[in-house]
Amino acid sequence: KEAQDLGYAEADPSADVDGYDASYK
């Protein structure tokens, strides 16, 4: 929630927290 409030995480954070973003990279 803090990451979302600061704009680091999206409202739907799944791309980041579920590892999709890192798997692309």
mmCIF file of all heavy atoms, coordinates in Angstrom:
data_MODEL
# 
_entry.id   MODEL 
# 
loop_
_atom_site.group_PDB 
_atom_site.id 
_atom_site.type_symbol 
_atom_site.label_atom_id 
_atom_site.label_alt_id 
_atom_site.label_comp_id 
_atom_site.label_asym_id 
_atom_site.label_entity_id 
_atom_site.label_seq_id 
_atom_site.pdbx_PDB_ins_code 
_atom_site.Cartn_x 
_atom_site.Cartn_y 
_atom_site.Cartn_z 
_atom_site.occupancy 
_atom_site.B_iso_or_equiv 
_atom_site.pdbx_formal_charge 
_atom_site.auth_seq_id 
_atom_site.auth_comp_id 
_atom_site.auth_asym_id 
_atom_site.auth_atom_id 
_atom_site.pdbx_PDB_model_num 
ATOM 1   N N   . LYS A 1 1  ? 0.833  -1.205  0.000   1.00 0.00 ? 1  LYS A N   1 
ATOM 2   C CA  . LYS A 1 1  ? 0.000  0.000   0.000   1.00 0.00 ? 1  LYS A CA  1 
ATOM 3   C C   . LYS A 1 1  ? 0.866  1.253   0.000   1.00 0.00 ? 1  LYS A C   1 
ATOM 4   O O   . LYS A 1 1  ? 0.572  2.224   -0.711  1.00 0.00 ? 1  LYS A O   1 
ATOM 5   C CB  . LYS A 1 1  ? -0.939 0.022   1.199   1.00 0.00 ? 1  LYS A CB  1 
ATOM 6   C CG  . LYS A 1 1  ? -1.903 1.215   1.180   1.00 0.00 ? 1  LYS A CG  1 
ATOM 7   C CD  . LYS A 1 1  ? -2.861 1.209   2.348   1.00 0.00 ? 1  LYS A CD  1 
ATOM 8   C CE  . LYS A 1 1  ? -3.880 2.356   2.211   1.00 0.00 ? 1  LYS A CE  1 
ATOM 9   N NZ  . LYS A 1 1  ? -3.242 3.678   2.050   1.00 0.00 ? 1  LYS A NZ  1 
ATOM 10  N N   . GLU A 1 2  ? 1.948  1.233   0.771   1.00 0.00 ? 2  GLU A N   1 
ATOM 11  C CA  . GLU A 1 2  ? 2.845  2.384   0.788   1.00 0.00 ? 2  GLU A CA  1 
ATOM 12  C C   . GLU A 1 2  ? 3.475  2.595   -0.583  1.00 0.00 ? 2  GLU A C   1 
ATOM 13  O O   . GLU A 1 2  ? 3.600  3.729   -1.057  1.00 0.00 ? 2  GLU A O   1 
ATOM 14  C CB  . GLU A 1 2  ? 3.935  2.176   1.838   1.00 0.00 ? 2  GLU A CB  1 
ATOM 15  C CG  . GLU A 1 2  ? 4.857  3.379   2.006   1.00 0.00 ? 2  GLU A CG  1 
ATOM 16  C CD  . GLU A 1 2  ? 5.811  3.212   3.175   1.00 0.00 ? 2  GLU A CD  1 
ATOM 17  O OE1 . GLU A 1 2  ? 5.378  2.719   4.234   1.00 0.00 ? 2  GLU A OE1 1 
ATOM 18  O OE2 . GLU A 1 2  ? 6.993  3.588   3.018   1.00 0.00 ? 2  GLU A OE2 1 
ATOM 19  N N   . ALA A 1 3  ? 3.872  1.499   -1.233  1.00 0.00 ? 3  ALA A N   1 
ATOM 20  C CA  . ALA A 1 3  ? 4.444  1.598   -2.579  1.00 0.00 ? 3  ALA A CA  1 
ATOM 21  C C   . ALA A 1 3  ? 3.427  2.171   -3.561  1.00 0.00 ? 3  ALA A C   1 
ATOM 22  O O   . ALA A 1 3  ? 3.770  2.971   -4.444  1.00 0.00 ? 3  ALA A O   1 
ATOM 23  C CB  . ALA A 1 3  ? 4.924  0.227   -3.045  1.00 0.00 ? 3  ALA A CB  1 
ATOM 24  N N   . GLN A 1 4  ? 2.168  1.784   -3.410  1.00 0.00 ? 4  GLN A N   1 
ATOM 25  C CA  . GLN A 1 4  ? 1.110  2.318   -4.279  1.00 0.00 ? 4  GLN A CA  1 
ATOM 26  C C   . GLN A 1 4  ? 0.887  3.803   -4.007  1.00 0.00 ? 4  GLN A C   1 
ATOM 27  O O   . GLN A 1 4  ? 0.734  4.601   -4.937  1.00 0.00 ? 4  GLN A O   1 
ATOM 28  C CB  . GLN A 1 4  ? -0.180 1.530   -4.080  1.00 0.00 ? 4  GLN A CB  1 
ATOM 29  C CG  . GLN A 1 4  ? -0.126 0.122   -4.644  1.00 0.00 ? 4  GLN A CG  1 
ATOM 30  C CD  . GLN A 1 4  ? -1.327 -0.719  -4.268  1.00 0.00 ? 4  GLN A CD  1 
ATOM 31  O OE1 . GLN A 1 4  ? -1.816 -0.650  -3.137  1.00 0.00 ? 4  GLN A OE1 1 
ATOM 32  N NE2 . GLN A 1 4  ? -1.822 -1.518  -5.209  1.00 0.00 ? 4  GLN A NE2 1 
ATOM 33  N N   . ASP A 1 5  ? 0.879  4.192   -2.731  1.00 0.00 ? 5  ASP A N   1 
ATOM 34  C CA  . ASP A 1 5  ? 0.663  5.590   -2.367  1.00 0.00 ? 5  ASP A CA  1 
ATOM 35  C C   . ASP A 1 5  ? 1.770  6.489   -2.923  1.00 0.00 ? 5  ASP A C   1 
ATOM 36  O O   . ASP A 1 5  ? 1.522  7.652   -3.280  1.00 0.00 ? 5  ASP A O   1 
ATOM 37  C CB  . ASP A 1 5  ? 0.601  5.750   -0.841  1.00 0.00 ? 5  ASP A CB  1 
ATOM 38  C CG  . ASP A 1 5  ? -0.652 5.135   -0.234  1.00 0.00 ? 5  ASP A CG  1 
ATOM 39  O OD1 . ASP A 1 5  ? -1.612 4.869   -0.999  1.00 0.00 ? 5  ASP A OD1 1 
ATOM 40  O OD2 . ASP A 1 5  ? -0.668 4.895   0.984   1.00 0.00 ? 5  ASP A OD2 1 
ATOM 41  N N   . LEU A 1 6  ? 2.989  5.942   -3.007  1.00 0.00 ? 6  LEU A N   1 
ATOM 42  C CA  . LEU A 1 6  ? 4.132  6.716   -3.501  1.00 0.00 ? 6  LEU A CA  1 
ATOM 43  C C   . LEU A 1 6  ? 4.276  6.654   -5.027  1.00 0.00 ? 6  LEU A C   1 
ATOM 44  O O   . LEU A 1 6  ? 5.144  7.302   -5.592  1.00 0.00 ? 6  LEU A O   1 
ATOM 45  C CB  . LEU A 1 6  ? 5.428  6.212   -2.851  1.00 0.00 ? 6  LEU A CB  1 
ATOM 46  C CG  . LEU A 1 6  ? 5.558  6.490   -1.346  1.00 0.00 ? 6  LEU A CG  1 
ATOM 47  C CD1 . LEU A 1 6  ? 6.757  5.753   -0.774  1.00 0.00 ? 6  LEU A CD1 1 
ATOM 48  C CD2 . LEU A 1 6  ? 5.690  7.991   -1.099  1.00 0.00 ? 6  LEU A CD2 1 
ATOM 49  N N   . GLY A 1 7  ? 3.426  5.864   -5.665  1.00 0.00 ? 7  GLY A N   1 
ATOM 50  C CA  . GLY A 1 7  ? 3.484  5.767   -7.120  1.00 0.00 ? 7  GLY A CA  1 
ATOM 51  C C   . GLY A 1 7  ? 4.459  4.733   -7.642  1.00 0.00 ? 7  GLY A C   1 
ATOM 52  O O   . GLY A 1 7  ? 4.650  4.603   -8.850  1.00 0.00 ? 7  GLY A O   1 
ATOM 53  N N   . TYR A 1 8  ? 5.083  3.938   -6.756  1.00 0.00 ? 8  TYR A N   1 
ATOM 54  C CA  . TYR A 1 8  ? 5.991  2.885   -7.205  1.00 0.00 ? 8  TYR A CA  1 
ATOM 55  C C   . TYR A 1 8  ? 5.213  1.694   -7.759  1.00 0.00 ? 8  TYR A C   1 
ATOM 56  O O   . TYR A 1 8  ? 5.694  0.995   -8.654  1.00 0.00 ? 8  TYR A O   1 
ATOM 57  C CB  . TYR A 1 8  ? 6.883  2.404   -6.049  1.00 0.00 ? 8  TYR A CB  1 
ATOM 58  C CG  . TYR A 1 8  ? 7.901  3.416   -5.585  1.00 0.00 ? 8  TYR A CG  1 
ATOM 59  C CD1 . TYR A 1 8  ? 8.100  3.654   -4.229  1.00 0.00 ? 8  TYR A CD1 1 
ATOM 60  C CD2 . TYR A 1 8  ? 8.670  4.137   -6.488  1.00 0.00 ? 8  TYR A CD2 1 
ATOM 61  C CE1 . TYR A 1 8  ? 9.032  4.571   -3.780  1.00 0.00 ? 8  TYR A CE1 1 
ATOM 62  C CE2 . TYR A 1 8  ? 9.609  5.065   -6.062  1.00 0.00 ? 8  TYR A CE2 1 
ATOM 63  C CZ  . TYR A 1 8  ? 9.786  5.282   -4.707  1.00 0.00 ? 8  TYR A CZ  1 
ATOM 64  O OH  . TYR A 1 8  ? 10.710 6.195   -4.278  1.00 0.00 ? 8  TYR A OH  1 
ATOM 65  N N   . ALA A 1 9  ? 4.043  1.437   -7.186  1.00 0.00 ? 9  ALA A N   1 
ATOM 66  C CA  . ALA A 1 9  ? 3.223  0.304   -7.608  1.00 0.00 ? 9  ALA A CA  1 
ATOM 67  C C   . ALA A 1 9  ? 1.915  0.805   -8.196  1.00 0.00 ? 9  ALA A C   1 
ATOM 68  O O   . ALA A 1 9  ? 1.360  1.805   -7.743  1.00 0.00 ? 9  ALA A O   1 
ATOM 69  C CB  . ALA A 1 9  ? 2.954  -0.630  -6.431  1.00 0.00 ? 9  ALA A CB  1 
ATOM 70  N N   . GLU A 1 10 ? 1.420  0.093   -9.195  1.00 0.00 ? 10 GLU A N   1 
ATOM 71  C CA  . GLU A 1 10 ? 0.153  0.430   -9.827  1.00 0.00 ? 10 GLU A CA  1 
ATOM 72  C C   . GLU A 1 10 ? -1.016 -0.007  -8.928  1.00 0.00 ? 10 GLU A C   1 
ATOM 73  O O   . GLU A 1 10 ? -0.849 -0.784  -7.978  1.00 0.00 ? 10 GLU A O   1 
ATOM 74  C CB  . GLU A 1 10 ? 0.034  -0.287  -11.173 1.00 0.00 ? 10 GLU A CB  1 
ATOM 75  C CG  . GLU A 1 10 ? 1.127  0.056   -12.170 1.00 0.00 ? 10 GLU A CG  1 
ATOM 76  C CD  . GLU A 1 10 ? 1.031  1.482   -12.696 1.00 0.00 ? 10 GLU A CD  1 
ATOM 77  O OE1 . GLU A 1 10 ? -0.072 2.072   -12.611 1.00 0.00 ? 10 GLU A OE1 1 
ATOM 78  O OE2 . GLU A 1 10 ? 2.055  1.995   -13.184 1.00 0.00 ? 10 GLU A OE2 1 
ATOM 79  N N   . ALA A 1 11 ? -2.216 0.492   -9.247  1.00 0.00 ? 11 ALA A N   1 
ATOM 80  C CA  . ALA A 1 11 ? -3.414 0.057   -8.523  1.00 0.00 ? 11 ALA A CA  1 
ATOM 81  C C   . ALA A 1 11 ? -3.568 -1.458  -8.634  1.00 0.00 ? 11 ALA A C   1 
ATOM 82  O O   . ALA A 1 11 ? -3.936 -2.139  -7.681  1.00 0.00 ? 11 ALA A O   1 
ATOM 83  C CB  . ALA A 1 11 ? -4.636 0.769   -9.078  1.00 0.00 ? 11 ALA A CB  1 
ATOM 84  N N   . ASP A 1 12 ? -3.299 -2.001  -9.829  1.00 0.00 ? 12 ASP A N   1 
ATOM 85  C CA  . ASP A 1 12 ? -3.185 -3.444  -10.013 1.00 0.00 ? 12 ASP A CA  1 
ATOM 86  C C   . ASP A 1 12 ? -1.697 -3.766  -10.081 1.00 0.00 ? 12 ASP A C   1 
ATOM 87  O O   . ASP A 1 12 ? -1.055 -3.577  -11.114 1.00 0.00 ? 12 ASP A O   1 
ATOM 88  C CB  . ASP A 1 12 ? -3.870 -3.891  -11.304 1.00 0.00 ? 12 ASP A CB  1 
ATOM 89  C CG  . ASP A 1 12 ? -3.698 -5.388  -11.567 1.00 0.00 ? 12 ASP A CG  1 
ATOM 90  O OD1 . ASP A 1 12 ? -3.071 -6.075  -10.728 1.00 0.00 ? 12 ASP A OD1 1 
ATOM 91  O OD2 . ASP A 1 12 ? -4.180 -5.865  -12.607 1.00 0.00 ? 12 ASP A OD2 1 
ATOM 92  N N   . PRO A 1 13 ? -1.105 -4.253  -8.980  1.00 0.00 ? 13 PRO A N   1 
ATOM 93  C CA  . PRO A 1 13 ? 0.350  -4.409  -8.922  1.00 0.00 ? 13 PRO A CA  1 
ATOM 94  C C   . PRO A 1 13 ? 0.857  -5.739  -9.449  1.00 0.00 ? 13 PRO A C   1 
ATOM 95  O O   . PRO A 1 13 ? 2.041  -6.054  -9.311  1.00 0.00 ? 13 PRO A O   1 
ATOM 96  C CB  . PRO A 1 13 ? 0.615  -4.310  -7.417  1.00 0.00 ? 13 PRO A CB  1 
ATOM 97  C CG  . PRO A 1 13 ? -0.585 -4.959  -6.805  1.00 0.00 ? 13 PRO A CG  1 
ATOM 98  C CD  . PRO A 1 13 ? -1.756 -4.595  -7.706  1.00 0.00 ? 13 PRO A CD  1 
ATOM 99  N N   . SER A 1 14 ? -0.010 -6.542  -10.058 1.00 0.00 ? 14 SER A N   1 
ATOM 100 C CA  . SER A 1 14 ? 0.353  -7.918  -10.388 1.00 0.00 ? 14 SER A CA  1 
ATOM 101 C C   . SER A 1 14 ? 1.562  -8.025  -11.310 1.00 0.00 ? 14 SER A C   1 
ATOM 102 O O   . SER A 1 14 ? 2.364  -8.958  -11.163 1.00 0.00 ? 14 SER A O   1 
ATOM 103 C CB  . SER A 1 14 ? -0.846 -8.652  -11.000 1.00 0.00 ? 14 SER A CB  1 
ATOM 104 O OG  . SER A 1 14 ? -1.325 -7.982  -12.140 1.00 0.00 ? 14 SER A OG  1 
ATOM 105 N N   . ALA A 1 15 ? 1.716  -7.113  -12.257 1.00 0.00 ? 15 ALA A N   1 
ATOM 106 C CA  . ALA A 1 15 ? 2.863  -7.191  -13.171 1.00 0.00 ? 15 ALA A CA  1 
ATOM 107 C C   . ALA A 1 15 ? 4.175  -7.181  -12.404 1.00 0.00 ? 15 ALA A C   1 
ATOM 108 O O   . ALA A 1 15 ? 5.137  -7.870  -12.775 1.00 0.00 ? 15 ALA A O   1 
ATOM 109 C CB  . ALA A 1 15 ? 2.826  -6.039  -14.169 1.00 0.00 ? 15 ALA A CB  1 
ATOM 110 N N   . ASP A 1 16 ? 4.213  -6.406  -11.330 1.00 0.00 ? 16 ASP A N   1 
ATOM 111 C CA  . ASP A 1 16 ? 5.429  -6.318  -10.518 1.00 0.00 ? 16 ASP A CA  1 
ATOM 112 C C   . ASP A 1 16 ? 5.499  -7.430  -9.479  1.00 0.00 ? 16 ASP A C   1 
ATOM 113 O O   . ASP A 1 16 ? 6.443  -8.219  -9.454  1.00 0.00 ? 16 ASP A O   1 
ATOM 114 C CB  . ASP A 1 16 ? 5.497  -4.961  -9.806  1.00 0.00 ? 16 ASP A CB  1 
ATOM 115 C CG  . ASP A 1 16 ? 5.669  -3.798  -10.773 1.00 0.00 ? 16 ASP A CG  1 
ATOM 116 O OD1 . ASP A 1 16 ? 6.450  -3.934  -11.728 1.00 0.00 ? 16 ASP A OD1 1 
ATOM 117 O OD2 . ASP A 1 16 ? 5.019  -2.767  -10.568 1.00 0.00 ? 16 ASP A OD2 1 
ATOM 118 N N   . VAL A 1 17 ? 4.490  -7.511  -8.606  1.00 0.00 ? 17 VAL A N   1 
ATOM 119 C CA  . VAL A 1 17 ? 4.592  -8.401  -7.445  1.00 0.00 ? 17 VAL A CA  1 
ATOM 120 C C   . VAL A 1 17 ? 4.481  -9.877  -7.814  1.00 0.00 ? 17 VAL A C   1 
ATOM 121 O O   . VAL A 1 17 ? 4.954  -10.741 -7.068  1.00 0.00 ? 17 VAL A O   1 
ATOM 122 C CB  . VAL A 1 17 ? 3.561  -8.040  -6.357  1.00 0.00 ? 17 VAL A CB  1 
ATOM 123 C CG1 . VAL A 1 17 ? 3.768  -6.613  -5.879  1.00 0.00 ? 17 VAL A CG1 1 
ATOM 124 C CG2 . VAL A 1 17 ? 2.132  -8.246  -6.844  1.00 0.00 ? 17 VAL A CG2 1 
ATOM 125 N N   . ASP A 1 18 ? 3.879  -10.187 -8.955  1.00 0.00 ? 18 ASP A N   1 
ATOM 126 C CA  . ASP A 1 18 ? 3.791  -11.584 -9.391  1.00 0.00 ? 18 ASP A CA  1 
ATOM 127 C C   . ASP A 1 18 ? 4.954  -11.982 -10.302 1.00 0.00 ? 18 ASP A C   1 
ATOM 128 O O   . ASP A 1 18 ? 4.976  -13.104 -10.825 1.00 0.00 ? 18 ASP A O   1 
ATOM 129 C CB  . ASP A 1 18 ? 2.466  -11.847 -10.107 1.00 0.00 ? 18 ASP A CB  1 
ATOM 130 C CG  . ASP A 1 18 ? 1.287  -11.796 -9.152  1.00 0.00 ? 18 ASP A CG  1 
ATOM 131 O OD1 . ASP A 1 18 ? 1.497  -11.970 -7.937  1.00 0.00 ? 18 ASP A OD1 1 
ATOM 132 O OD2 . ASP A 1 18 ? 0.150  -11.550 -9.612  1.00 0.00 ? 18 ASP A OD2 1 
ATOM 133 N N   . GLY A 1 19 ? 5.887  -11.053 -10.539 1.00 0.00 ? 19 GLY A N   1 
ATOM 134 C CA  . GLY A 1 19 ? 7.110  -11.391 -11.252 1.00 0.00 ? 19 GLY A CA  1 
ATOM 135 C C   . GLY A 1 19 ? 7.059  -11.306 -12.763 1.00 0.00 ? 19 GLY A C   1 
ATOM 136 O O   . GLY A 1 19 ? 8.042  -11.646 -13.438 1.00 0.00 ? 19 GLY A O   1 
ATOM 137 N N   . TYR A 1 20 ? 5.935  -10.830 -13.341 1.00 0.00 ? 20 TYR A N   1 
ATOM 138 C CA  . TYR A 1 20 ? 5.854  -10.760 -14.801 1.00 0.00 ? 20 TYR A CA  1 
ATOM 139 C C   . TYR A 1 20 ? 6.876  -9.776  -15.379 1.00 0.00 ? 20 TYR A C   1 
ATOM 140 O O   . TYR A 1 20 ? 7.581  -10.088 -16.347 1.00 0.00 ? 20 TYR A O   1 
ATOM 141 C CB  . TYR A 1 20 ? 4.447  -10.350 -15.247 1.00 0.00 ? 20 TYR A CB  1 
ATOM 142 C CG  . TYR A 1 20 ? 3.393  -11.399 -15.005 1.00 0.00 ? 20 TYR A CG  1 
ATOM 143 C CD1 . TYR A 1 20 ? 2.531  -11.321 -13.914 1.00 0.00 ? 20 TYR A CD1 1 
ATOM 144 C CD2 . TYR A 1 20 ? 3.272  -12.485 -15.870 1.00 0.00 ? 20 TYR A CD2 1 
ATOM 145 C CE1 . TYR A 1 20 ? 1.567  -12.301 -13.683 1.00 0.00 ? 20 TYR A CE1 1 
ATOM 146 C CE2 . TYR A 1 20 ? 2.306  -13.461 -15.650 1.00 0.00 ? 20 TYR A CE2 1 
ATOM 147 C CZ  . TYR A 1 20 ? 1.468  -13.363 -14.554 1.00 0.00 ? 20 TYR A CZ  1 
ATOM 148 O OH  . TYR A 1 20 ? 0.519  -14.334 -14.327 1.00 0.00 ? 20 TYR A OH  1 
ATOM 149 N N   . ASP A 1 21 ? 6.955  -8.583  -14.791 1.00 0.00 ? 21 ASP A N   1 
ATOM 150 C CA  . ASP A 1 21 ? 7.890  -7.567  -15.276 1.00 0.00 ? 21 ASP A CA  1 
ATOM 151 C C   . ASP A 1 21 ? 9.325  -8.102  -15.276 1.00 0.00 ? 21 ASP A C   1 
ATOM 152 O O   . ASP A 1 21 ? 10.051 -7.975  -16.264 1.00 0.00 ? 21 ASP A O   1 
ATOM 153 C CB  . ASP A 1 21 ? 7.782  -6.321  -14.389 1.00 0.00 ? 21 ASP A CB  1 
ATOM 154 C CG  . ASP A 1 21 ? 8.779  -5.240  -14.752 1.00 0.00 ? 21 ASP A CG  1 
ATOM 155 O OD1 . ASP A 1 21 ? 8.501  -4.469  -15.700 1.00 0.00 ? 21 ASP A OD1 1 
ATOM 156 O OD2 . ASP A 1 21 ? 9.833  -5.148  -14.095 1.00 0.00 ? 21 ASP A OD2 1 
ATOM 157 N N   . ALA A 1 22 ? 9.720  -8.722  -14.176 1.00 0.00 ? 22 ALA A N   1 
ATOM 158 C CA  . ALA A 1 22 ? 11.080 -9.258  -14.085 1.00 0.00 ? 22 ALA A CA  1 
ATOM 159 C C   . ALA A 1 22 ? 11.299 -10.404 -15.067 1.00 0.00 ? 22 ALA A C   1 
ATOM 160 O O   . ALA A 1 22 ? 12.400 -10.574 -15.605 1.00 0.00 ? 22 ALA A O   1 
ATOM 161 C CB  . ALA A 1 22 ? 11.367 -9.713  -12.656 1.00 0.00 ? 22 ALA A CB  1 
ATOM 162 N N   . SER A 1 23 ? 10.264 -11.206 -15.327 1.00 0.00 ? 23 SER A N   1 
ATOM 163 C CA  . SER A 1 23 ? 10.425 -12.321 -16.266 1.00 0.00 ? 23 SER A CA  1 
ATOM 164 C C   . SER A 1 23 ? 10.632 -11.828 -17.691 1.00 0.00 ? 23 SER A C   1 
ATOM 165 O O   . SER A 1 23 ? 11.405 -12.427 -18.453 1.00 0.00 ? 23 SER A O   1 
ATOM 166 C CB  . SER A 1 23 ? 9.232  -13.277 -16.189 1.00 0.00 ? 23 SER A CB  1 
ATOM 167 O OG  . SER A 1 23 ? 8.040  -12.675 -16.643 1.00 0.00 ? 23 SER A OG  1 
ATOM 168 N N   . TYR A 1 24 ? 9.965  -10.728 -18.086 1.00 0.00 ? 24 TYR A N   1 
ATOM 169 C CA  . TYR A 1 24 ? 10.226 -10.141 -19.408 1.00 0.00 ? 24 TYR A CA  1 
ATOM 170 C C   . TYR A 1 24 ? 11.701 -9.759  -19.515 1.00 0.00 ? 24 TYR A C   1 
ATOM 171 O O   . TYR A 1 24 ? 12.366 -10.034 -20.521 1.00 0.00 ? 24 TYR A O   1 
ATOM 172 C CB  . TYR A 1 24 ? 9.372  -8.887  -19.634 1.00 0.00 ? 24 TYR A CB  1 
ATOM 173 C CG  . TYR A 1 24 ? 7.874  -9.080  -19.573 1.00 0.00 ? 24 TYR A CG  1 
ATOM 174 C CD1 . TYR A 1 24 ? 7.053  -8.060  -19.094 1.00 0.00 ? 24 TYR A CD1 1 
ATOM 175 C CD2 . TYR A 1 24 ? 7.279  -10.256 -19.994 1.00 0.00 ? 24 TYR A CD2 1 
ATOM 176 C CE1 . TYR A 1 24 ? 5.672  -8.214  -19.031 1.00 0.00 ? 24 TYR A CE1 1 
ATOM 177 C CE2 . TYR A 1 24 ? 5.898  -10.420 -19.934 1.00 0.00 ? 24 TYR A CE2 1 
ATOM 178 C CZ  . TYR A 1 24 ? 5.103  -9.393  -19.443 1.00 0.00 ? 24 TYR A CZ  1 
ATOM 179 O OH  . TYR A 1 24 ? 3.742  -9.560  -19.369 1.00 0.00 ? 24 TYR A OH  1 
ATOM 180 N N   . LYS A 1 25 ? 12.190 -9.112  -18.478 1.00 0.00 ? 25 LYS A N   1 
ATOM 181 C CA  . LYS A 1 25 ? 13.558 -8.595  -18.510 1.00 0.00 ? 25 LYS A CA  1 
ATOM 182 C C   . LYS A 1 25 ? 14.597 -9.709  -18.518 1.00 0.00 ? 25 LYS A C   1 
ATOM 183 O O   . LYS A 1 25 ? 15.573 -9.652  -19.284 1.00 0.00 ? 25 LYS A O   1 
ATOM 184 C CB  . LYS A 1 25 ? 13.782 -7.658  -17.314 1.00 0.00 ? 25 LYS A CB  1 
ATOM 185 C CG  . LYS A 1 25 ? 12.941 -6.395  -17.362 1.00 0.00 ? 25 LYS A CG  1 
ATOM 186 C CD  . LYS A 1 25 ? 13.005 -5.612  -16.065 1.00 0.00 ? 25 LYS A CD  1 
ATOM 187 C CE  . LYS A 1 25 ? 12.112 -4.391  -16.095 1.00 0.00 ? 25 LYS A CE  1 
ATOM 188 N NZ  . LYS A 1 25 ? 12.065 -3.676  -14.804 1.00 0.00 ? 25 LYS A NZ  1 
# 
